[in-house]
Amino acid sequence: MGFYRVGRHDQATIQFRGFVEMLLKANCTGFISSTENNLLTLSNKAFGEVPAEIRKALTYINPHYTLVKSVYSPAFADDIYEKSKMIAEWVFSQSSSYNQFNLEIE
């Protein structure tokens, strides 16, 4: 959110996507290559069945992992943030070990 707050929406978008990638990798079992960055593949490895709404959000976020300076608008970054938050909430709902996390921005 730090990048977003200072108007660096391109970096914020990349960070939101990176958060989702790391969260999915943390839930995969077995070996996951550090070069594997496809969110759909990671979600399938981590959870098998993924609800349609989550799959749609993952598909939308998936390609945004390379920095293209000043391409992303505040509205786009907002959309990526909301989709990332929705995915995180779903992932957190899949495991009781995530109960202590608060996704609300303070």
PDB file of N, CA and C in Angstrom:
ATOM      1  N   MET A   1       0.812  -1.190   0.000  1.00  0.00           N
ATOM      2  CA  MET A   1       0.000   0.000   0.000  1.00  0.00           C
ATOM      3  C   MET A   1       0.857   1.255   0.000  1.00  0.00           C
ATOM      4  N   GLY A   2       2.097   1.122   0.460  1.00  0.00           N
ATOM      5  CA  GLY A   2       2.986   2.279   0.479  1.00  0.00           C
ATOM      6  C   GLY A   2       3.166   2.874  -0.905  1.00  0.00           C
ATOM      7  N   PHE A   3       3.406   2.026  -1.907  1.00  0.00           N
ATOM      8  CA  PHE A   3       3.541   2.514  -3.278  1.00  0.00           C
ATOM      9  C   PHE A   3       2.251   3.180  -3.743  1.00  0.00           C
ATOM     10  N   TYR A   4       1.134   2.595  -3.419  1.00  0.00           N
ATOM     11  CA  TYR A   4      -0.145   3.147  -3.847  1.00  0.00           C
ATOM     12  C   TYR A   4      -0.371   4.531  -3.246  1.00  0.00           C
ATOM     13  N   ARG A   5      -0.083   4.666  -1.969  1.00  0.00           N
ATOM     14  CA  ARG A   5      -0.329   5.932  -1.270  1.00  0.00           C
ATOM     15  C   ARG A   5       0.491   7.093  -1.827  1.00  0.00           C
ATOM     16  N   VAL A   6       1.657   6.799  -2.377  1.00  0.00           N
ATOM     17  CA  VAL A   6       2.490   7.870  -2.935  1.00  0.00           C
ATOM     18  C   VAL A   6       2.316   8.016  -4.451  1.00  0.00           C
ATOM     19  N   GLY A   7       1.285   7.363  -4.998  1.00  0.00           N
ATOM     20  CA  GLY A   7       0.977   7.526  -6.410  1.00  0.00           C
ATOM     21  C   GLY A   7       1.780   6.669  -7.360  1.00  0.00           C
ATOM     22  N   ARG A   8       2.470   5.677  -6.854  1.00  0.00           N
ATOM     23  CA  ARG A   8       3.248   4.783  -7.717  1.00  0.00           C
ATOM     24  C   ARG A   8       2.415   3.538  -8.004  1.00  0.00           C
ATOM     25  N   HIS A   9       1.390   3.728  -8.822  1.00  0.00           N
ATOM     26  CA  HIS A   9       0.391   2.690  -9.063  1.00  0.00           C
ATOM     27  C   HIS A   9       0.948   1.502  -9.831  1.00  0.00           C
ATOM     28  N   ASP A  10       1.958   1.739 -10.662  1.00  0.00           N
ATOM     29  CA  ASP A  10       2.576   0.635 -11.378  1.00  0.00           C
ATOM     30  C   ASP A  10       3.258  -0.322 -10.398  1.00  0.00           C
ATOM     31  N   GLN A  11       4.064   0.212  -9.487  1.00  0.00           N
ATOM     32  CA  GLN A  11       4.728  -0.631  -8.499  1.00  0.00           C
ATOM     33  C   GLN A  11       3.730  -1.276  -7.539  1.00  0.00           C
ATOM     34  N   ALA A  12       2.674  -0.550  -7.188  1.00  0.00           N
ATOM     35  CA  ALA A  12       1.648  -1.104  -6.296  1.00  0.00           C
ATOM     36  C   ALA A  12       0.980  -2.309  -6.948  1.00  0.00           C
ATOM     37  N   THR A  13       0.671  -2.193  -8.235  1.00  0.00           N
ATOM     38  CA  THR A  13       0.052  -3.304  -8.963  1.00  0.00           C
ATOM     39  C   THR A  13       0.957  -4.524  -8.953  1.00  0.00           C
ATOM     40  N   ILE A  14       2.232  -4.313  -9.208  1.00  0.00           N
ATOM     41  CA  ILE A  14       3.207  -5.417  -9.205  1.00  0.00           C
ATOM     42  C   ILE A  14       3.278  -6.047  -7.816  1.00  0.00           C
ATOM     43  N   GLN A  15       3.288  -5.234  -6.769  1.00  0.00           N
ATOM     44  CA  GLN A  15       3.376  -5.745  -5.403  1.00  0.00           C
ATOM     45  C   GLN A  15       2.118  -6.530  -5.016  1.00  0.00           C
ATOM     46  N   PHE A  16       0.946  -6.052  -5.394  1.00  0.00           N
ATOM     47  CA  PHE A  16      -0.294  -6.777  -5.101  1.00  0.00           C
ATOM     48  C   PHE A  16      -0.266  -8.151  -5.761  1.00  0.00           C
ATOM     49  N   ARG A  17       0.189  -8.188  -7.021  1.00  0.00           N
ATOM     50  CA  ARG A  17       0.262  -9.454  -7.741  1.00  0.00           C
ATOM     51  C   ARG A  17       1.294 -10.370  -7.095  1.00  0.00           C
ATOM     52  N   GLY A  18       2.432  -9.803  -6.708  1.00  0.00           N
ATOM     53  CA  GLY A  18       3.482 -10.585  -6.053  1.00  0.00           C
ATOM     54  C   GLY A  18       3.013 -11.185  -4.733  1.00  0.00           C
ATOM     55  N   PHE A  19       2.194 -10.428  -4.004  1.00  0.00           N
ATOM     56  CA  PHE A  19       1.621 -10.929  -2.756  1.00  0.00           C
ATOM     57  C   PHE A  19       0.783 -12.176  -3.017  1.00  0.00           C
ATOM     58  N   VAL A  20      -0.068 -12.125  -4.036  1.00  0.00           N
ATOM     59  CA  VAL A  20      -0.917 -13.279  -4.367  1.00  0.00           C
ATOM     60  C   VAL A  20      -0.040 -14.471  -4.750  1.00  0.00           C
ATOM     61  N   GLU A  21       0.988 -14.226  -5.550  1.00  0.00           N
ATOM     62  CA  GLU A  21       1.896 -15.305  -5.963  1.00  0.00           C
ATOM     63  C   GLU A  21       2.553 -15.960  -4.748  1.00  0.00           C
ATOM     64  N   MET A  22       3.086 -15.166  -3.846  1.00  0.00           N
ATOM     65  CA  MET A  22       3.742 -15.726  -2.658  1.00  0.00           C
ATOM     66  C   MET A  22       2.756 -16.469  -1.770  1.00  0.00           C
ATOM     67  N   LEU A  23       1.547 -15.945  -1.642  1.00  0.00           N
ATOM     68  CA  LEU A  23       0.534 -16.595  -0.828  1.00  0.00           C
ATOM     69  C   LEU A  23       0.180 -17.968  -1.401  1.00  0.00           C
ATOM     70  N   LEU A  24       0.035 -18.039  -2.715  1.00  0.00           N
ATOM     71  CA  LEU A  24      -0.263 -19.326  -3.343  1.00  0.00           C
ATOM     72  C   LEU A  24       0.908 -20.291  -3.204  1.00  0.00           C
ATOM     73  N   LYS A  25       2.129 -19.806  -3.413  1.00  0.00           N
ATOM     74  CA  LYS A  25       3.306 -20.670  -3.265  1.00  0.00           C
ATOM     75  C   LYS A  25       3.423 -21.213  -1.850  1.00  0.00           C
ATOM     76  N   ALA A  26       3.073 -20.406  -0.872  1.00  0.00           N
ATOM     77  CA  ALA A  26       3.151 -20.838   0.528  1.00  0.00           C
ATOM     78  C   ALA A  26       2.179 -21.978   0.819  1.00  0.00           C
ATOM     79  N   ASN A  27       1.159 -22.119   0.006  1.00  0.00           N
ATOM     80  CA  ASN A  27       0.163 -23.166   0.221  1.00  0.00           C
ATOM     81  C   ASN A  27       0.368 -24.391  -0.660  1.00  0.00           C
ATOM     82  N   CYS A  28       1.378 -24.372  -1.500  1.00  0.00           N
ATOM     83  CA  CYS A  28       1.680 -25.531  -2.342  1.00  0.00           C
ATOM     84  C   CYS A  28       2.492 -26.544  -1.540  1.00  0.00           C
ATOM     85  N   THR A  29       2.245 -27.800  -1.816  1.00  0.00           N
ATOM     86  CA  THR A  29       3.051 -28.845  -1.191  1.00  0.00           C
ATOM     87  C   THR A  29       4.044 -29.370  -2.213  1.00  0.00           C
ATOM     88  N   GLY A  30       5.162 -29.864  -1.737  1.00  0.00           N
ATOM     89  CA  GLY A  30       6.183 -30.372  -2.639  1.00  0.00           C
ATOM     90  C   GLY A  30       7.015 -29.254  -3.237  1.00  0.00           C
ATOM     91  N   PHE A  31       7.786 -29.593  -4.237  1.00  0.00           N
ATOM     92  CA  PHE A  31       8.693 -28.643  -4.872  1.00  0.00           C
ATOM     93  C   PHE A  31       7.938 -27.694  -5.795  1.00  0.00           C
ATOM     94  N   ILE A  32       8.201 -26.429  -5.639  1.00  0.00           N
ATOM     95  CA  ILE A  32       7.679 -25.394  -6.538  1.00  0.00           C
ATOM     96  C   ILE A  32       8.883 -24.591  -7.015  1.00  0.00           C
ATOM     97  N   SER A  33       9.097 -24.570  -8.307  1.00  0.00           N
ATOM     98  CA  SER A  33      10.221 -23.826  -8.871  1.00  0.00           C
ATOM     99  C   SER A  33      10.073 -22.339  -8.584  1.00  0.00           C
ATOM    100  N   SER A  34      11.186 -21.700  -8.306  1.00  0.00           N
ATOM    101  CA  SER A  34      11.152 -20.254  -8.063  1.00  0.00           C
ATOM    102  C   SER A  34      10.774 -19.492  -9.330  1.00  0.00           C
ATOM    103  N   THR A  35      10.868 -20.138 -10.483  1.00  0.00           N
ATOM    104  CA  THR A  35      10.494 -19.486 -11.741  1.00  0.00           C
ATOM    105  C   THR A  35       9.020 -19.679 -12.080  1.00  0.00           C
ATOM    106  N   GLU A  36       8.320 -20.497 -11.315  1.00  0.00           N
ATOM    107  CA  GLU A  36       6.884 -20.693 -11.552  1.00  0.00           C
ATOM    108  C   GLU A  36       6.136 -19.475 -11.037  1.00  0.00           C
ATOM    109  N   ASN A  37       5.526 -18.719 -11.941  1.00  0.00           N
ATOM    110  CA  ASN A  37       4.816 -17.521 -11.516  1.00  0.00           C
ATOM    111  C   ASN A  37       3.403 -17.420 -12.090  1.00  0.00           C
ATOM    112  N   ASN A  38       2.909 -18.488 -12.685  1.00  0.00           N
ATOM    113  CA  ASN A  38       1.561 -18.491 -13.224  1.00  0.00           C
ATOM    114  C   ASN A  38       0.579 -18.731 -12.081  1.00  0.00           C
ATOM    115  N   LEU A  39      -0.257 -17.750 -11.800  1.00  0.00           N
ATOM    116  CA  LEU A  39      -1.168 -17.822 -10.658  1.00  0.00           C
ATOM    117  C   LEU A  39      -2.173 -18.954 -10.784  1.00  0.00           C
ATOM    118  N   LEU A  40      -2.624 -19.241 -11.982  1.00  0.00           N
ATOM    119  CA  LEU A  40      -3.586 -20.324 -12.173  1.00  0.00           C
ATOM    120  C   LEU A  40      -2.948 -21.682 -11.891  1.00  0.00           C
ATOM    121  N   THR A  41      -1.738 -21.873 -12.375  1.00  0.00           N
ATOM    122  CA  THR A  41      -1.019 -23.115 -12.112  1.00  0.00           C
ATOM    123  C   THR A  41      -0.751 -23.279 -10.621  1.00  0.00           C
ATOM    124  N   LEU A  42      -0.316 -22.201  -9.976  1.00  0.00           N
ATOM    125  CA  LEU A  42      -0.035 -22.257  -8.540  1.00  0.00           C
ATOM    126  C   LEU A  42      -1.302 -22.542  -7.733  1.00  0.00           C
ATOM    127  N   SER A  43      -2.407 -21.927  -8.109  1.00  0.00           N
ATOM    128  CA  SER A  43      -3.649 -22.163  -7.359  1.00  0.00           C
ATOM    129  C   SER A  43      -4.111 -23.609  -7.512  1.00  0.00           C
ATOM    130  N   ASN A  44      -3.925 -24.172  -8.698  1.00  0.00           N
ATOM    131  CA  ASN A  44      -4.287 -25.574  -8.899  1.00  0.00           C
ATOM    132  C   ASN A  44      -3.401 -26.498  -8.075  1.00  0.00           C
ATOM    133  N   LYS A  45      -2.105 -26.188  -8.008  1.00  0.00           N
ATOM    134  CA  LYS A  45      -1.182 -26.998  -7.208  1.00  0.00           C
ATOM    135  C   LYS A  45      -1.489 -26.871  -5.725  1.00  0.00           C
ATOM    136  N   ALA A  46      -1.891 -25.699  -5.303  1.00  0.00           N
ATOM    137  CA  ALA A  46      -2.134 -25.459  -3.883  1.00  0.00           C
ATOM    138  C   ALA A  46      -3.478 -26.004  -3.417  1.00  0.00           C
ATOM    139  N   PHE A  47      -4.512 -25.866  -4.236  1.00  0.00           N
ATOM    140  CA  PHE A  47      -5.857 -26.177  -3.768  1.00  0.00           C
ATOM    141  C   PHE A  47      -6.649 -27.137  -4.645  1.00  0.00           C
ATOM    142  N   GLY A  48      -6.168 -27.425  -5.823  1.00  0.00           N
ATOM    143  CA  GLY A  48      -6.934 -28.302  -6.706  1.00  0.00           C
ATOM    144  C   GLY A  48      -8.131 -27.575  -7.284  1.00  0.00           C
ATOM    145  N   GLU A  49      -9.259 -27.650  -6.613  1.00  0.00           N
ATOM    146  CA  GLU A  49     -10.476 -26.968  -7.057  1.00  0.00           C
ATOM    147  C   GLU A  49     -10.459 -25.516  -6.597  1.00  0.00           C
ATOM    148  N   VAL A  50     -10.661 -24.624  -7.540  1.00  0.00           N
ATOM    149  CA  VAL A  50     -10.704 -23.193  -7.246  1.00  0.00           C
ATOM    150  C   VAL A  50     -12.051 -22.668  -7.730  1.00  0.00           C
ATOM    151  N   PRO A  51     -12.778 -21.950  -6.879  1.00  0.00           N
ATOM    152  CA  PRO A  51     -14.080 -21.412  -7.302  1.00  0.00           C
ATOM    153  C   PRO A  51     -13.950 -20.510  -8.532  1.00  0.00           C
ATOM    154  N   ALA A  52     -15.003 -20.472  -9.335  1.00  0.00           N
ATOM    155  CA  ALA A  52     -14.989 -19.714 -10.593  1.00  0.00           C
ATOM    156  C   ALA A  52     -14.653 -18.246 -10.380  1.00  0.00           C
ATOM    157  N   GLU A  53     -15.199 -17.631  -9.341  1.00  0.00           N
ATOM    158  CA  GLU A  53     -14.950 -16.211  -9.085  1.00  0.00           C
ATOM    159  C   GLU A  53     -13.467 -15.955  -8.774  1.00  0.00           C
ATOM    160  N   ILE A  54     -12.857 -16.854  -8.014  1.00  0.00           N
ATOM    161  CA  ILE A  54     -11.429 -16.734  -7.686  1.00  0.00           C
ATOM    162  C   ILE A  54     -10.592 -16.973  -8.934  1.00  0.00           C
ATOM    163  N   ARG A  55     -10.961 -17.978  -9.724  1.00  0.00           N
ATOM    164  CA  ARG A  55     -10.240 -18.266 -10.971  1.00  0.00           C
ATOM    165  C   ARG A  55     -10.291 -17.056 -11.907  1.00  0.00           C
ATOM    166  N   LYS A  56     -11.441 -16.394 -11.982  1.00  0.00           N
ATOM    167  CA  LYS A  56     -11.581 -15.204 -12.832  1.00  0.00           C
ATOM    168  C   LYS A  56     -10.663 -14.081 -12.350  1.00  0.00           C
ATOM    169  N   ALA A  57     -10.595 -13.864 -11.035  1.00  0.00           N
ATOM    170  CA  ALA A  57      -9.713 -12.832 -10.476  1.00  0.00           C
ATOM    171  C   ALA A  57      -8.247 -13.181 -10.740  1.00  0.00           C
ATOM    172  N   LEU A  58      -7.884 -14.454 -10.581  1.00  0.00           N
ATOM    173  CA  LEU A  58      -6.509 -14.886 -10.848  1.00  0.00           C
ATOM    174  C   LEU A  58      -6.141 -14.662 -12.309  1.00  0.00           C
ATOM    175  N   THR A  59      -7.070 -14.961 -13.194  1.00  0.00           N
ATOM    176  CA  THR A  59      -6.832 -14.760 -14.637  1.00  0.00           C
ATOM    177  C   THR A  59      -6.607 -13.283 -14.939  1.00  0.00           C
ATOM    178  N   TYR A  60      -7.353 -12.421 -14.295  1.00  0.00           N
ATOM    179  CA  TYR A  60      -7.238 -10.972 -14.505  1.00  0.00           C
ATOM    180  C   TYR A  60      -5.893 -10.441 -13.998  1.00  0.00           C
ATOM    181  N   ILE A  61      -5.476 -10.908 -12.834  1.00  0.00           N
ATOM    182  CA  ILE A  61      -4.232 -10.426 -12.212  1.00  0.00           C
ATOM    183  C   ILE A  61      -3.000 -11.065 -12.840  1.00  0.00           C
ATOM    184  N   ASN A  62      -3.111 -12.270 -13.329  1.00  0.00           N
ATOM    185  CA  ASN A  62      -1.971 -13.099 -13.731  1.00  0.00           C
ATOM    186  C   ASN A  62      -0.900 -12.397 -14.567  1.00  0.00           C
ATOM    187  N   PRO A  63      -1.230 -11.670 -15.630  1.00  0.00           N
ATOM    188  CA  PRO A  63      -0.150 -11.145 -16.474  1.00  0.00           C
ATOM    189  C   PRO A  63       0.596  -9.936 -15.916  1.00  0.00           C
ATOM    190  N   HIS A  64       0.174  -9.366 -14.812  1.00  0.00           N
ATOM    191  CA  HIS A  64       0.745  -8.098 -14.350  1.00  0.00           C
ATOM    192  C   HIS A  64       1.927  -8.302 -13.404  1.00  0.00           C
ATOM    193  N   TYR A  65       3.035  -8.817 -13.955  1.00  0.00           N
ATOM    194  CA  TYR A  65       4.207  -9.045 -13.118  1.00  0.00           C
ATOM    195  C   TYR A  65       5.469  -8.380 -13.651  1.00  0.00           C
ATOM    196  N   THR A  66       5.378  -7.636 -14.735  1.00  0.00           N
ATOM    197  CA  THR A  66       6.535  -6.887 -15.221  1.00  0.00           C
ATOM    198  C   THR A  66       6.239  -5.405 -15.094  1.00  0.00           C
ATOM    199  N   LEU A  67       7.226  -4.668 -14.723  1.00  0.00           N
ATOM    200  CA  LEU A  67       7.057  -3.244 -14.474  1.00  0.00           C
ATOM    201  C   LEU A  67       7.048  -2.449 -15.779  1.00  0.00           C
ATOM    202  N   VAL A  68       5.975  -1.742 -16.010  1.00  0.00           N
ATOM    203  CA  VAL A  68       5.865  -0.813 -17.128  1.00  0.00           C
ATOM    204  C   VAL A  68       5.515   0.524 -16.499  1.00  0.00           C
ATOM    205  N   LYS A  69       6.501   1.362 -16.345  1.00  0.00           N
ATOM    206  CA  LYS A  69       6.354   2.586 -15.565  1.00  0.00           C
ATOM    207  C   LYS A  69       5.198   3.460 -16.052  1.00  0.00           C
ATOM    208  N   SER A  70       4.384   3.866 -15.084  1.00  0.00           N
ATOM    209  CA  SER A  70       3.291   4.817 -15.285  1.00  0.00           C
ATOM    210  C   SER A  70       2.206   4.348 -16.242  1.00  0.00           C
ATOM    211  N   VAL A  71       2.032   3.059 -16.387  1.00  0.00           N
ATOM    212  CA  VAL A  71       0.979   2.541 -17.248  1.00  0.00           C
ATOM    213  C   VAL A  71      -0.310   2.339 -16.463  1.00  0.00           C
ATOM    214  N   TYR A  72      -0.199   1.956 -15.209  1.00  0.00           N
ATOM    215  CA  TYR A  72      -1.371   1.614 -14.418  1.00  0.00           C
ATOM    216  C   TYR A  72      -1.963   2.848 -13.742  1.00  0.00           C
ATOM    217  N   SER A  73      -3.273   2.995 -13.866  1.00  0.00           N
ATOM    218  CA  SER A  73      -3.984   4.122 -13.276  1.00  0.00           C
ATOM    219  C   SER A  73      -4.366   3.799 -11.833  1.00  0.00           C
ATOM    220  N   PRO A  74      -4.759   4.813 -11.054  1.00  0.00           N
ATOM    221  CA  PRO A  74      -5.234   4.554  -9.695  1.00  0.00           C
ATOM    222  C   PRO A  74      -6.439   3.598  -9.686  1.00  0.00           C
ATOM    223  N   ALA A  75      -7.347   3.751 -10.631  1.00  0.00           N
ATOM    224  CA  ALA A  75      -8.528   2.881 -10.688  1.00  0.00           C
ATOM    225  C   ALA A  75      -8.122   1.438 -10.971  1.00  0.00           C
ATOM    226  N   PHE A  76      -7.142   1.235 -11.843  1.00  0.00           N
ATOM    227  CA  PHE A  76      -6.670  -0.113 -12.143  1.00  0.00           C
ATOM    228  C   PHE A  76      -6.001  -0.724 -10.924  1.00  0.00           C
ATOM    229  N   ALA A  77      -5.168   0.053 -10.249  1.00  0.00           N
ATOM    230  CA  ALA A  77      -4.508  -0.440  -9.034  1.00  0.00           C
ATOM    231  C   ALA A  77      -5.538  -0.790  -7.966  1.00  0.00           C
ATOM    232  N   ASP A  78      -6.595   0.022  -7.856  1.00  0.00           N
ATOM    233  CA  ASP A  78      -7.688  -0.287  -6.927  1.00  0.00           C
ATOM    234  C   ASP A  78      -8.318  -1.632  -7.262  1.00  0.00           C
ATOM    235  N   ASP A  79      -8.558  -1.859  -8.544  1.00  0.00           N
ATOM    236  CA  ASP A  79      -9.178  -3.100  -8.991  1.00  0.00           C
ATOM    237  C   ASP A  79      -8.277  -4.304  -8.675  1.00  0.00           C
ATOM    238  N   ILE A  80      -6.998  -4.166  -8.946  1.00  0.00           N
ATOM    239  CA  ILE A  80      -6.047  -5.246  -8.639  1.00  0.00           C
ATOM    240  C   ILE A  80      -6.008  -5.488  -7.137  1.00  0.00           C
ATOM    241  N   TYR A  81      -6.013  -4.422  -6.345  1.00  0.00           N
ATOM    242  CA  TYR A  81      -6.015  -4.570  -4.887  1.00  0.00           C
ATOM    243  C   TYR A  81      -7.253  -5.338  -4.420  1.00  0.00           C
ATOM    244  N   GLU A  82      -8.424  -4.948  -4.910  1.00  0.00           N
ATOM    245  CA  GLU A  82      -9.667  -5.607  -4.484  1.00  0.00           C
ATOM    246  C   GLU A  82      -9.683  -7.081  -4.869  1.00  0.00           C
ATOM    247  N   LYS A  83      -9.211  -7.387  -6.070  1.00  0.00           N
ATOM    248  CA  LYS A  83      -9.155  -8.783  -6.501  1.00  0.00           C
ATOM    249  C   LYS A  83      -8.126  -9.562  -5.669  1.00  0.00           C
ATOM    250  N   SER A  84      -6.989  -8.950  -5.383  1.00  0.00           N
ATOM    251  CA  SER A  84      -5.966  -9.597  -4.546  1.00  0.00           C
ATOM    252  C   SER A  84      -6.504  -9.877  -3.155  1.00  0.00           C
ATOM    253  N   LYS A  85      -7.224  -8.924  -2.610  1.00  0.00           N
ATOM    254  CA  LYS A  85      -7.812  -9.088  -1.284  1.00  0.00           C
ATOM    255  C   LYS A  85      -8.842 -10.208  -1.281  1.00  0.00           C
ATOM    256  N   MET A  86      -9.670 -10.270  -2.320  1.00  0.00           N
ATOM    257  CA  MET A  86     -10.670 -11.334  -2.419  1.00  0.00           C
ATOM    258  C   MET A  86     -10.001 -12.707  -2.473  1.00  0.00           C
ATOM    259  N   ILE A  87      -8.928 -12.814  -3.265  1.00  0.00           N
ATOM    260  CA  ILE A  87      -8.191 -14.076  -3.369  1.00  0.00           C
ATOM    261  C   ILE A  87      -7.584 -14.436  -2.016  1.00  0.00           C
ATOM    262  N   ALA A  88      -6.970 -13.455  -1.357  1.00  0.00           N
ATOM    263  CA  ALA A  88      -6.356 -13.711  -0.051  1.00  0.00           C
ATOM    264  C   ALA A  88      -7.394 -14.167   0.966  1.00  0.00           C
ATOM    265  N   GLU A  89      -8.549 -13.524   0.968  1.00  0.00           N
ATOM    266  CA  GLU A  89      -9.607 -13.933   1.893  1.00  0.00           C
ATOM    267  C   GLU A  89     -10.023 -15.376   1.640  1.00  0.00           C
ATOM    268  N   TRP A  90     -10.114 -15.767   0.362  1.00  0.00           N
ATOM    269  CA  TRP A  90     -10.475 -17.144   0.039  1.00  0.00           C
ATOM    270  C   TRP A  90      -9.379 -18.107   0.505  1.00  0.00           C
ATOM    271  N   VAL A  91      -8.128 -17.763   0.206  1.00  0.00           N
ATOM    272  CA  VAL A  91      -7.013 -18.627   0.630  1.00  0.00           C
ATOM    273  C   VAL A  91      -7.008 -18.749   2.152  1.00  0.00           C
ATOM    274  N   PHE A  92      -7.174 -17.636   2.842  1.00  0.00           N
ATOM    275  CA  PHE A  92      -7.183 -17.665   4.302  1.00  0.00           C
ATOM    276  C   PHE A  92      -8.332 -18.502   4.834  1.00  0.00           C
ATOM    277  N   SER A  93      -9.454 -18.517   4.139  1.00  0.00           N
ATOM    278  CA  SER A  93     -10.603 -19.312   4.590  1.00  0.00           C
ATOM    279  C   SER A  93     -10.360 -20.810   4.448  1.00  0.00           C
ATOM    280  N   GLN A  94      -9.349 -21.177   3.683  1.00  0.00           N
ATOM    281  CA  GLN A  94      -9.054 -22.590   3.454  1.00  0.00           C
ATOM    282  C   GLN A  94      -8.231 -23.213   4.568  1.00  0.00           C
ATOM    283  N   SER A  95      -7.703 -22.389   5.482  1.00  0.00           N
ATOM    284  CA  SER A  95      -6.846 -22.908   6.542  1.00  0.00           C
ATOM    285  C   SER A  95      -7.053 -22.133   7.834  1.00  0.00           C
ATOM    286  N   SER A  96      -7.200 -22.845   8.923  1.00  0.00           N
ATOM    287  CA  SER A  96      -7.386 -22.192  10.222  1.00  0.00           C
ATOM    288  C   SER A  96      -6.105 -21.522  10.717  1.00  0.00           C
ATOM    289  N   SER A  97      -4.965 -21.872  10.153  1.00  0.00           N
ATOM    290  CA  SER A  97      -3.709 -21.266  10.604  1.00  0.00           C
ATOM    291  C   SER A  97      -3.580 -19.798  10.201  1.00  0.00           C
ATOM    292  N   TYR A  98      -4.483 -19.316   9.339  1.00  0.00           N
ATOM    293  CA  TYR A  98      -4.442 -17.921   8.895  1.00  0.00           C
ATOM    294  C   TYR A  98      -5.398 -17.024   9.672  1.00  0.00           C
ATOM    295  N   ASN A  99      -6.044 -17.529  10.704  1.00  0.00           N
ATOM    296  CA  ASN A  99      -7.060 -16.763  11.430  1.00  0.00           C
ATOM    297  C   ASN A  99      -6.545 -15.451  12.009  1.00  0.00           C
ATOM    298  N   GLN A 100      -5.267 -15.353  12.332  1.00  0.00           N
ATOM    299  CA  GLN A 100      -4.745 -14.162  12.999  1.00  0.00           C
ATOM    300  C   GLN A 100      -4.459 -13.009  12.035  1.00  0.00           C
ATOM    301  N   PHE A 101      -4.557 -13.211  10.731  1.00  0.00           N
ATOM    302  CA  PHE A 101      -4.251 -12.162   9.778  1.00  0.00           C
ATOM    303  C   PHE A 101      -5.445 -11.251   9.563  1.00  0.00           C
ATOM    304  N   ASN A 102      -5.171  -9.954   9.489  1.00  0.00           N
ATOM    305  CA  ASN A 102      -6.183  -8.944   9.224  1.00  0.00           C
ATOM    306  C   ASN A 102      -5.843  -8.274   7.899  1.00  0.00           C
ATOM    307  N   LEU A 103      -6.729  -8.381   6.927  1.00  0.00           N
ATOM    308  CA  LEU A 103      -6.471  -7.819   5.610  1.00  0.00           C
ATOM    309  C   LEU A 103      -6.930  -6.385   5.452  1.00  0.00           C
ATOM    310  N   GLU A 104      -7.517  -5.822   6.491  1.00  0.00           N
ATOM    311  CA  GLU A 104      -7.976  -4.437   6.410  1.00  0.00           C
ATOM    312  C   GLU A 104      -6.801  -3.490   6.562  1.00  0.00           C
ATOM    313  N   ILE A 105      -6.808  -2.431   5.772  1.00  0.00           N
ATOM    314  CA  ILE A 105      -5.740  -1.428   5.816  1.00  0.00           C
ATOM    315  C   ILE A 105      -6.018  -0.473   6.959  1.00  0.00           C
ATOM    316  N   GLU A 106      -5.017  -0.228   7.757  1.00  0.00           N
ATOM    317  CA  GLU A 106      -5.186   0.687   8.904  1.00  0.00           C
ATOM    318  C   GLU A 106      -4.359   1.922   8.721  1.00  0.00           C
TER     319      GLU A 106
END
